[in-house]
Amino acid sequence: RSQRFFVSEIIREKILLNFSQEIPYSTEVTVEAFQEEERLTRISAVIHVSRESQKGILLGHHGSAIRKLGTDARKDIEVFLGRHIYLELRVKVSKDWREDERALRRFGYPGD
């Protein structure tokens, strides 16, 4: 598996640990950019959710939840990659992505 895959799995793990109920099961993480520079690696990832209310929960009050999630994920990704990283996380509503065959294939799930 690629480094991008493991980075997305680390972010998903932090979502599972930091949020309860349906939130972890309604998310998908895609790594949009992975740029290795001399001193650090810049990673940009998008957390896809099904509904606007889930986006609000992931962001938290004044962004507190997404900041904690990003910090926790960044620490584990740095250990995994063995170098400093800059992690940018965004949350995007991809309405009902779990019922959309094209979205599922785009996220790497096998089609029928």
Protein backbone atom coordinates (compact mmCIF):
# COMPACT_ATOMS: atom_id res chain seq x y z
CA ARG A 1 0.00 0.00 0.00
CA SER A 2 1.07 3.58 -0.63
CA GLN A 3 2.03 6.19 1.94
CA ARG A 4 -1.13 8.09 1.01
CA PHE A 5 -3.22 5.07 2.00
CA PHE A 6 -1.56 4.80 5.41
CA VAL A 7 -1.89 8.55 6.00
CA SER A 8 -5.61 8.41 5.24
CA GLU A 9 -5.98 5.41 7.58
CA ILE A 10 -4.21 7.26 10.41
CA ILE A 11 -6.61 10.18 9.97
CA ARG A 12 -9.59 7.77 9.96
CA GLU A 13 -8.28 6.14 13.13
CA LYS A 14 -8.21 9.54 14.86
CA ILE A 15 -11.79 10.17 13.73
CA LEU A 16 -12.80 6.84 15.29
CA LEU A 17 -11.04 7.73 18.54
CA ASN A 18 -12.28 11.34 18.80
CA PHE A 19 -15.90 11.04 17.66
CA SER A 20 -18.76 8.77 18.61
CA GLN A 21 -21.99 7.48 17.10
CA GLU A 22 -22.40 7.60 13.32
CA ILE A 23 -19.68 10.15 12.52
CA PRO A 24 -16.77 7.73 12.02
CA TYR A 25 -18.87 5.47 9.81
CA SER A 26 -20.07 8.34 7.63
CA THR A 27 -16.61 9.60 6.73
CA GLU A 28 -14.07 8.89 4.04
CA VAL A 29 -10.61 10.44 3.84
CA THR A 30 -8.80 11.29 0.62
CA VAL A 31 -5.25 12.61 0.43
CA GLU A 32 -5.33 15.37 -2.17
CA ALA A 33 -1.65 16.41 -2.05
CA PHE A 34 1.53 14.83 -0.76
CA GLN A 35 4.58 17.04 -1.36
CA GLU A 36 7.96 16.03 0.02
CA GLU A 37 10.24 18.99 0.57
CA GLU A 38 13.71 19.19 2.07
CA ARG A 39 12.64 19.79 5.67
CA LEU A 40 9.07 18.57 5.79
CA THR A 41 6.26 16.86 3.91
CA ARG A 42 3.12 18.84 3.16
CA ILE A 43 -0.06 16.77 3.19
CA SER A 44 -3.51 18.02 2.27
CA ALA A 45 -6.44 15.73 3.05
CA VAL A 46 -10.20 16.00 2.70
CA ILE A 47 -12.61 14.33 5.09
CA HIS A 48 -15.83 13.60 3.22
CA VAL A 49 -19.08 13.42 5.19
CA SER A 50 -22.65 12.71 4.09
CA ARG A 51 -24.46 15.62 5.76
CA GLU A 52 -23.87 19.24 6.72
CA SER A 53 -24.58 18.44 10.40
CA GLN A 54 -21.70 15.94 10.39
CA LYS A 55 -19.38 18.62 9.02
CA GLY A 56 -20.28 20.87 11.95
CA ILE A 57 -19.54 18.11 14.43
CA LEU A 58 -16.13 17.40 12.85
CA LEU A 59 -15.21 21.08 12.84
CA GLY A 60 -16.38 21.71 16.40
CA HIS A 61 -16.84 25.05 18.16
CA HIS A 62 -14.48 27.57 16.51
CA GLY A 63 -12.62 24.68 14.83
CA SER A 64 -11.55 23.05 18.09
CA ALA A 65 -12.46 19.49 17.07
CA ILE A 66 -10.70 19.57 13.69
CA ARG A 67 -7.60 21.14 15.32
CA LYS A 68 -7.40 18.33 17.89
CA LEU A 69 -7.97 15.73 15.19
CA GLY A 70 -5.24 17.29 13.04
CA THR A 71 -2.74 17.45 15.90
CA ASP A 72 -3.34 13.84 16.90
CA ALA A 73 -3.07 12.65 13.29
CA ARG A 74 0.02 14.78 12.57
CA LYS A 75 1.93 13.27 15.51
CA ASP A 76 1.26 9.69 14.35
CA ILE A 77 1.97 10.49 10.70
CA GLU A 78 5.32 12.04 11.68
CA VAL A 79 6.25 8.84 13.51
CA PHE A 80 5.12 6.73 10.53
CA LEU A 81 7.02 8.81 7.94
CA GLY A 82 9.98 9.56 10.19
CA ARG A 83 9.96 13.27 9.40
CA HIS A 84 8.15 16.53 10.14
CA ILE A 85 4.91 17.13 8.31
CA TYR A 86 2.48 19.95 7.74
CA LEU A 87 -1.06 18.56 7.70
CA GLU A 88 -3.97 20.46 6.22
CA LEU A 89 -7.40 18.97 6.86
CA ARG A 90 -10.62 20.09 5.20
CA VAL A 91 -14.15 18.76 5.64
CA LYS A 92 -16.40 18.47 2.59
CA VAL A 93 -20.02 17.40 2.37
CA SER A 94 -20.33 14.73 -0.33
CA LYS A 95 -24.06 14.17 -0.06
CA ASP A 96 -25.00 10.51 0.44
CA TRP A 97 -21.61 9.29 -0.86
CA ARG A 98 -22.21 5.86 0.69
CA GLU A 99 -25.14 5.25 -1.70
CA ASP A 100 -23.38 6.61 -4.82
CA GLU A 101 -21.66 3.89 -6.90
CA ARG A 102 -19.32 6.40 -8.61
CA ALA A 103 -18.29 7.94 -5.29
CA LEU A 104 -17.64 4.50 -3.79
CA ARG A 105 -15.40 3.55 -6.74
CA ARG A 106 -13.57 6.91 -6.50
CA PHE A 107 -12.87 6.18 -2.83
CA GLY A 108 -11.47 2.77 -3.74
CA TYR A 109 -14.38 0.49 -2.94
CA PRO A 110 -15.01 -2.27 -5.49
CA GLY A 111 -18.07 -1.90 -7.70
CA ASP A 112 -20.64 -4.52 -8.59
